[in-house]
């Protein structure tokens, strides 16, 4: 099956997010809740093609996160920690999108009208703004958007997957097909499968479920608990900084706020599909002085020495010489990537 890239701007704008290597997850209703809706049969390739070509109407929705990764809460991304959290998402059906994410100290609001983006943090009363509808994206929004997270998974994994349609489900009151991507036999990964509930009418992803090897419980899920299609108030897709707010521009040459891309974080992608490993220069600054032994175990090899940090769906090695290798893969795949 040919590899496809997620190119539908309207669906991407709805989430204002670009997925990370393993930054996926939110939960809607259990797949087994209620009777499965009766829908016309659809072939896997046809369903994938319809998702990649989807042009959804404007909508508003509530998304719920159920995370069992075993990570601590990260700065500005409490959704990374185990537990449940919610977010609100709006799309104007074109290039406008809005995501509101609660944090421990307030709320982050990410907005774009297709030409300008705004990223508001109520905790420090800071607005990062600039030109371009895609620039306000980041991992926080990504954790809150099943459409962007699932679309990224399809684009990244389809070519190295066995793709099937496994019945139907009801998500947020809407009938959906269950699209399943499982790693091809020669893929080396910690993941068993990724399940994507696809809206039968609009053909957008409503829920994404990540299942790890050796467990029947989802490690991550992302999906709508409420969803309504229809025209949205245009004022949702613009933002006026509150009085007294600090307004910043993103660093030159970088679309993301500096807090989401630390200095020195140059990276290389090794492999593809389920075997993908990201090798990066460890960021300086906040990580300096951190005792990694509290997060993982010491490891060593021809590549050097460092610390192995493991979650249910991913491994990472932080080397003593300042590199990081991470992916949804066994330790051996990380060490091979580090020796290249």
Protein backbone atom coordinates (compact mmCIF):
# COMPACT_ATOMS: atom_id res chain seq x y z
CA UNK A 1 0.00 0.00 0.00
CA UNK A 2 1.39 3.35 -0.99
CA UNK A 3 2.35 5.79 1.73
CA UNK A 4 0.16 8.86 1.99
CA UNK A 5 0.75 12.21 3.65
CA UNK A 6 -1.94 14.02 5.63
CA UNK A 7 -2.64 17.06 3.49
CA UNK A 8 -6.19 18.17 4.27
CA UNK A 9 -5.68 21.67 5.63
CA UNK A 10 -9.18 22.04 7.01
CA UNK A 11 -9.03 18.98 9.22
CA UNK A 12 -5.51 19.87 10.38
CA UNK A 13 -6.59 23.41 11.24
CA UNK A 14 -9.36 22.05 13.43
CA UNK A 15 -6.82 20.77 15.91
CA UNK A 16 -4.05 23.35 15.50
CA UNK A 17 -1.66 20.48 16.21
CA UNK A 18 1.15 18.39 14.72
CA UNK A 19 1.63 15.02 16.36
CA UNK A 20 4.94 14.01 17.96
CA UNK A 21 6.53 10.59 17.61
CA UNK A 22 4.45 9.06 20.41
CA UNK A 23 2.46 12.08 21.62
CA UNK A 24 -1.00 10.61 21.10
CA UNK A 25 -3.92 10.06 23.41
CA UNK A 26 -7.53 10.75 24.64
CA UNK A 27 -10.56 8.62 25.50
CA UNK A 28 -14.16 8.84 24.36
CA UNK A 29 -16.76 6.13 24.96
CA UNK A 30 -15.69 2.47 25.22
CA UNK A 31 -15.95 0.71 21.88
CA UNK A 32 -18.34 -1.82 23.37
CA UNK A 33 -20.81 0.71 24.82
CA UNK A 34 -24.26 0.06 23.36
CA UNK A 35 -25.14 -1.86 20.21
CA UNK A 36 -22.70 -1.48 17.32
CA UNK A 37 -24.35 0.58 14.56
CA UNK A 38 -25.17 -1.14 11.27
CA UNK A 39 -23.22 0.52 8.45
CA UNK A 40 -22.53 -0.39 4.80
CA UNK A 41 -19.37 -2.50 4.38
CA UNK A 42 -16.24 -0.59 3.43
CA UNK A 43 -12.81 -1.82 2.32
CA UNK A 44 -9.78 -0.70 4.38
CA UNK A 45 -8.12 1.15 1.49
CA UNK A 46 -11.38 2.96 0.70
CA UNK A 47 -11.80 4.01 4.33
CA UNK A 48 -8.20 5.26 4.59
CA UNK A 49 -8.56 7.20 1.33
CA UNK A 50 -11.78 8.82 2.52
CA UNK A 51 -10.16 9.90 5.79
CA UNK A 52 -7.21 11.47 3.97
CA UNK A 53 -9.57 13.30 1.59
CA UNK A 54 -12.07 14.39 4.26
CA UNK A 55 -13.42 17.94 4.13
CA UNK A 56 -15.44 18.13 7.37
CA UNK A 57 -18.03 20.74 8.27
CA UNK A 58 -17.55 23.24 11.08
CA UNK A 59 -17.91 21.67 14.52
CA UNK A 60 -17.53 22.05 18.27
CA UNK A 61 -16.58 19.21 20.58
CA UNK A 62 -15.36 18.06 23.97
CA UNK A 63 -12.45 15.62 24.16
CA UNK A 64 -11.41 13.49 27.11
CA UNK A 65 -7.92 12.19 27.84
CA UNK A 66 -7.26 8.86 29.55
CA UNK A 67 -3.51 8.37 29.84
CA UNK A 68 -1.72 5.32 31.28
CA UNK A 69 1.82 6.00 30.07
CA UNK A 70 3.35 6.30 33.51
CA UNK A 71 4.89 9.72 32.85
CA UNK A 72 4.96 12.61 35.32
CA UNK A 73 3.22 15.88 34.52
CA UNK A 74 5.43 17.92 32.21
CA UNK A 75 5.76 21.73 32.23
CA UNK A 76 2.75 23.25 30.44
CA UNK A 77 1.56 19.72 29.54
CA UNK A 78 -0.21 18.18 32.54
CA UNK A 79 -2.06 15.93 30.06
CA UNK A 80 1.16 13.85 29.84
CA UNK A 81 0.63 12.53 33.37
CA UNK A 82 -1.47 9.46 34.12
CA UNK A 83 -5.15 10.18 34.56
CA UNK A 84 -8.04 11.83 32.79
CA UNK A 85 -8.37 15.38 31.49
CA UNK A 86 -10.59 17.21 29.05
CA UNK A 87 -10.31 19.84 26.34
CA UNK A 88 -12.62 21.81 24.07
CA UNK A 89 -12.10 22.05 20.30
CA UNK A 90 -13.76 24.21 17.63
CA UNK A 91 -13.35 24.32 13.84
CA UNK A 92 -14.87 26.79 11.38
CA UNK A 93 -14.78 24.13 8.65
CA UNK A 94 -12.08 26.05 6.82
CA UNK A 95 -8.74 27.23 8.22
CA UNK A 96 -9.88 28.43 11.64
CA UNK A 97 -9.47 26.39 14.80
CA UNK A 98 -9.48 26.77 18.57
CA UNK A 99 -8.31 24.47 21.40
CA UNK A 100 -8.76 25.19 25.11
CA UNK A 101 -6.65 23.07 27.49
CA UNK A 102 -6.91 23.26 31.28
CA UNK A 103 -3.66 23.30 33.24
CA UNK A 104 -2.88 23.05 36.96
CA UNK A 105 -2.64 26.83 37.17
CA UNK A 106 -5.14 28.02 34.56
CA UNK A 107 -5.72 27.37 30.90
CA UNK A 108 -3.89 27.38 27.58
CA UNK A 109 -5.83 28.62 24.55
CA UNK A 110 -4.55 28.00 21.01
CA UNK A 111 -6.29 29.90 18.22
CA UNK A 112 -5.85 30.42 14.48
CA UNK A 113 -7.93 32.14 11.81
CA UNK A 114 -5.77 30.64 9.07
CA UNK A 115 -3.54 33.69 8.74
CA UNK A 116 -2.55 34.49 12.35
CA UNK A 117 -2.07 32.25 15.37
CA UNK A 118 -2.29 33.02 19.07
CA UNK A 119 -1.11 30.86 22.00
CA UNK A 120 -2.41 32.21 25.32
CA UNK A 121 -1.19 30.97 28.72
CA UNK A 122 -3.35 32.31 31.53
CA UNK A 123 -0.78 31.29 34.20
CA UNK A 124 1.88 33.77 33.11
CA UNK A 125 -0.47 35.98 31.04
CA UNK A 126 1.66 35.54 27.94
CA UNK A 127 0.50 35.47 24.31
CA UNK A 128 2.76 34.09 21.56
CA UNK A 129 1.46 35.26 18.19
CA UNK A 130 2.60 35.36 14.59
CA UNK A 131 1.64 34.78 10.98
CA UNK A 132 0.50 31.42 9.65
CA UNK A 133 -2.32 29.13 10.67
CA UNK A 134 -0.05 26.19 11.50
CA UNK A 135 2.41 27.98 13.75
CA UNK A 136 0.46 27.81 16.99
CA UNK A 137 0.67 24.04 17.10
CA UNK A 138 2.51 22.01 19.69
CA UNK A 139 2.34 18.90 21.85
CA UNK A 140 -0.31 20.32 24.17
CA UNK A 141 -2.83 20.79 21.37
CA UNK A 142 -1.79 17.49 19.92
CA UNK A 143 -2.78 15.66 23.07
CA UNK A 144 -6.26 17.20 22.73
CA UNK A 145 -7.12 16.53 19.11
CA UNK A 146 -8.19 13.08 17.93
CA UNK A 147 -8.48 14.25 14.32
CA UNK A 148 -4.88 15.47 14.09
CA UNK A 149 -3.42 12.66 16.21
CA UNK A 150 -5.17 9.91 14.25
CA UNK A 151 -4.40 11.51 10.89
CA UNK A 152 -0.73 11.71 11.81
CA UNK A 153 -0.78 8.05 12.82
CA UNK A 154 -2.28 7.05 9.47
CA UNK A 155 0.26 9.07 7.51
CA UNK A 156 3.19 7.72 9.53
CA UNK A 157 2.20 4.06 9.89
CA UNK A 158 0.02 3.08 6.94
CA UNK A 159 2.82 1.98 4.59
CA UNK A 160 4.28 -0.43 7.20
CA UNK A 161 0.97 -1.74 8.55
CA UNK A 162 -1.60 -4.44 8.03
CA UNK A 163 -4.76 -2.34 7.69
CA UNK A 164 -8.22 -3.74 8.43
CA UNK A 165 -11.75 -2.60 9.29
CA UNK A 166 -12.89 -4.27 12.54
CA UNK A 167 -16.61 -3.60 12.73
CA UNK A 168 -18.33 -0.44 13.91
CA UNK A 169 -18.70 1.64 17.07
CA UNK A 170 -20.58 4.63 18.42
CA UNK A 171 -18.44 7.59 19.53
CA UNK A 172 -19.98 10.76 20.96
CA UNK A 173 -23.34 9.62 19.66
CA UNK A 174 -22.10 9.22 16.08
CA UNK A 175 -21.77 5.95 14.10
CA UNK A 176 -18.19 5.11 13.14
CA UNK A 177 -16.06 2.47 11.45
CA UNK A 178 -13.20 0.91 13.45
CA UNK A 179 -10.03 1.23 11.36
CA UNK A 180 -7.12 -0.87 12.70
CA UNK A 181 -3.42 -0.46 11.88
CA UNK A 182 -1.24 -3.33 13.09
CA UNK A 183 2.54 -3.51 12.52
CA UNK A 184 3.72 -5.64 9.60
CA UNK A 185 5.49 -8.86 10.73
CA UNK A 186 8.98 -7.42 10.16
CA UNK A 187 8.35 -4.27 12.24
CA UNK A 188 10.07 -4.03 15.64
CA UNK A 189 7.81 -2.10 18.00
CA UNK A 190 6.31 -2.09 21.48
CA UNK A 191 2.87 -1.43 20.01
CA UNK A 192 0.30 -4.08 19.13
CA UNK A 193 -2.07 -1.89 17.15
CA UNK A 194 -3.57 1.55 16.69
CA UNK A 195 -7.37 1.72 16.40
CA UNK A 196 -9.10 4.71 14.84
CA UNK A 197 -12.86 5.24 14.96
CA UNK A 198 -13.82 7.05 11.73
CA UNK A 199 -17.05 9.06 11.50
CA UNK A 200 -19.29 7.28 8.98
CA UNK A 201 -20.62 10.53 7.50
CA UNK A 202 -17.86 13.13 7.82
CA UNK A 203 -15.01 10.58 7.63
CA UNK A 204 -12.92 12.35 10.26
CA UNK A 205 -11.25 10.41 13.12
CA UNK A 206 -13.38 10.54 16.27
CA UNK A 207 -11.21 8.42 18.54
CA UNK A 208 -7.69 7.01 18.56
CA UNK A 209 -6.62 4.08 20.76
CA UNK A 210 -3.01 2.93 21.23
CA UNK A 211 -2.52 -0.64 22.47
CA UNK A 212 0.85 -1.98 23.62
CA UNK A 213 2.11 -5.55 23.36
CA UNK A 214 1.25 -7.72 26.35
CA UNK A 215 -1.74 -5.67 27.55
CA UNK A 216 -5.42 -5.58 26.67
CA UNK A 217 -5.88 -2.15 28.26
CA UNK A 218 -5.22 0.97 26.17
CA UNK A 219 -2.02 2.81 26.98
CA UNK A 220 -3.44 5.94 25.38
CA UNK A 221 -6.79 6.95 23.95
CA UNK A 222 -8.07 10.19 22.46
CA UNK A 223 -11.60 10.88 21.35
CA UNK A 224 -14.68 13.03 21.45
CA UNK A 225 -17.23 12.65 24.22
CA UNK A 226 -19.42 15.39 22.69
CA UNK A 227 -19.44 16.52 19.07
CA UNK A 228 -21.83 18.73 17.10
CA UNK A 229 -21.42 19.83 13.49
CA UNK A 230 -22.71 23.23 12.38
CA UNK A 231 -21.71 26.91 11.96
CA UNK A 232 -19.55 28.36 14.74
CA UNK A 233 -19.26 31.91 16.09
CA UNK A 234 -16.50 33.64 14.02
CA UNK A 235 -15.20 35.33 17.19
CA UNK A 236 -13.91 31.94 18.38
CA UNK A 237 -11.21 32.02 15.69
CA UNK A 238 -9.58 35.31 16.59
CA UNK A 239 -7.97 36.46 19.82
CA UNK A 240 -7.46 39.80 21.53
CA UNK A 241 -4.76 39.78 24.23
CA UNK A 242 -6.22 40.69 27.63
CA UNK A 243 -5.13 43.98 29.23
CA UNK A 244 -1.71 43.65 30.82
CA UNK A 245 -0.77 40.52 28.87
CA UNK A 246 2.77 40.11 27.52
CA UNK A 247 2.76 39.59 23.74
CA UNK A 248 5.68 37.71 22.18
CA UNK A 249 6.66 36.55 18.71
CA UNK A 250 8.07 33.08 17.99
CA UNK A 251 11.86 32.94 17.53
CA UNK A 252 13.05 33.77 14.02
CA UNK A 253 13.13 30.70 11.80
CA UNK A 254 11.02 28.63 14.21
CA UNK A 255 7.24 28.41 13.97
CA UNK A 256 6.84 27.11 17.51
CA UNK A 257 7.18 29.07 20.74
CA UNK A 258 10.65 28.79 22.23
CA UNK A 259 9.30 26.94 25.26
CA UNK A 260 8.23 24.09 22.94
CA UNK A 261 11.56 23.82 21.12
CA UNK A 262 14.53 24.27 23.43
CA UNK A 263 17.83 25.55 22.11
CA UNK A 264 20.12 22.86 20.72
CA UNK A 265 17.37 20.32 20.06
CA UNK A 266 18.66 19.29 16.62
CA UNK A 267 17.26 15.91 15.60
CA UNK A 268 17.55 13.06 13.09
CA UNK A 269 14.93 10.45 12.22
CA UNK A 270 16.25 6.87 11.89
CA UNK A 271 14.00 4.24 10.30
CA UNK A 272 10.35 4.66 9.36
CA UNK A 273 6.87 3.53 10.31
CA UNK A 274 6.62 1.57 13.55
CA UNK A 275 10.45 1.34 13.77
CA UNK A 276 10.99 5.11 13.76
CA UNK A 277 13.58 6.43 16.23
CA UNK A 278 14.18 10.11 16.85
CA UNK A 279 17.80 10.90 17.76
CA UNK A 280 18.24 14.42 19.08
CA UNK A 281 20.67 16.60 20.96
CA UNK A 282 19.48 16.77 24.54
CA UNK A 283 18.07 20.24 25.26
CA UNK A 284 19.99 22.44 27.62
CA UNK A 285 18.45 24.64 30.25
CA UNK A 286 15.66 23.13 32.35
CA UNK A 287 17.08 19.59 32.09
CA UNK A 288 20.48 20.53 33.45
CA UNK A 289 21.14 19.05 36.86
CA UNK A 290 18.23 16.60 36.62
CA UNK A 291 18.89 13.22 38.27
CA UNK A 292 17.90 10.81 35.50
CA UNK A 293 18.48 7.81 37.77
CA UNK A 294 15.13 8.57 39.36
CA UNK A 295 13.42 8.13 35.96
CA UNK A 296 15.21 5.08 34.54
CA UNK A 297 18.05 2.56 34.67
CA UNK A 298 21.73 2.89 33.62
CA UNK A 299 22.67 1.29 30.28
CA UNK A 300 25.83 1.17 28.17
CA UNK A 301 27.13 -0.17 24.87
CA UNK A 302 29.35 0.65 21.86
CA UNK A 303 27.45 3.95 21.58
CA UNK A 304 28.48 5.01 25.10
CA UNK A 305 26.55 5.10 28.38
CA UNK A 306 23.37 6.70 29.61
CA UNK A 307 19.93 6.13 31.13
CA UNK A 308 17.05 4.05 29.71
CA UNK A 309 13.60 5.51 30.41
CA UNK A 310 10.62 3.27 29.61
CA UNK A 311 6.85 3.73 29.35
CA UNK A 312 4.06 1.41 28.23
CA UNK A 313 4.45 2.41 24.58
CA UNK A 314 7.93 3.89 24.19
CA UNK A 315 11.57 3.77 25.26
CA UNK A 316 14.15 6.54 25.40
CA UNK A 317 17.89 6.55 26.05
CA UNK A 318 19.48 9.75 27.34
CA UNK A 319 23.22 9.42 26.79
CA UNK A 320 25.89 10.87 29.04
CA UNK A 321 27.33 12.77 26.07
CA UNK A 322 24.12 14.72 25.50
CA UNK A 323 22.01 12.74 23.03
CA UNK A 324 18.46 11.39 23.25
CA UNK A 325 17.08 8.45 21.23
CA UNK A 326 13.35 7.78 21.54
CA UNK A 327 10.69 5.68 19.85
CA UNK A 328 7.92 3.11 20.30
CA UNK A 329 10.56 0.41 19.93
CA UNK A 330 12.60 -2.07 22.03
CA UNK A 331 15.88 -0.95 23.58
CA UNK A 332 17.92 -2.75 20.90
CA UNK A 333 16.42 -0.57 18.16
CA UNK A 334 17.43 2.55 20.08
CA UNK A 335 21.03 1.36 20.53
CA UNK A 336 21.28 0.54 16.83
CA UNK A 337 20.10 4.06 16.01
CA UNK A 338 22.69 5.57 18.36
CA UNK A 339 25.56 3.69 16.67
CA UNK A 340 24.71 4.94 13.17
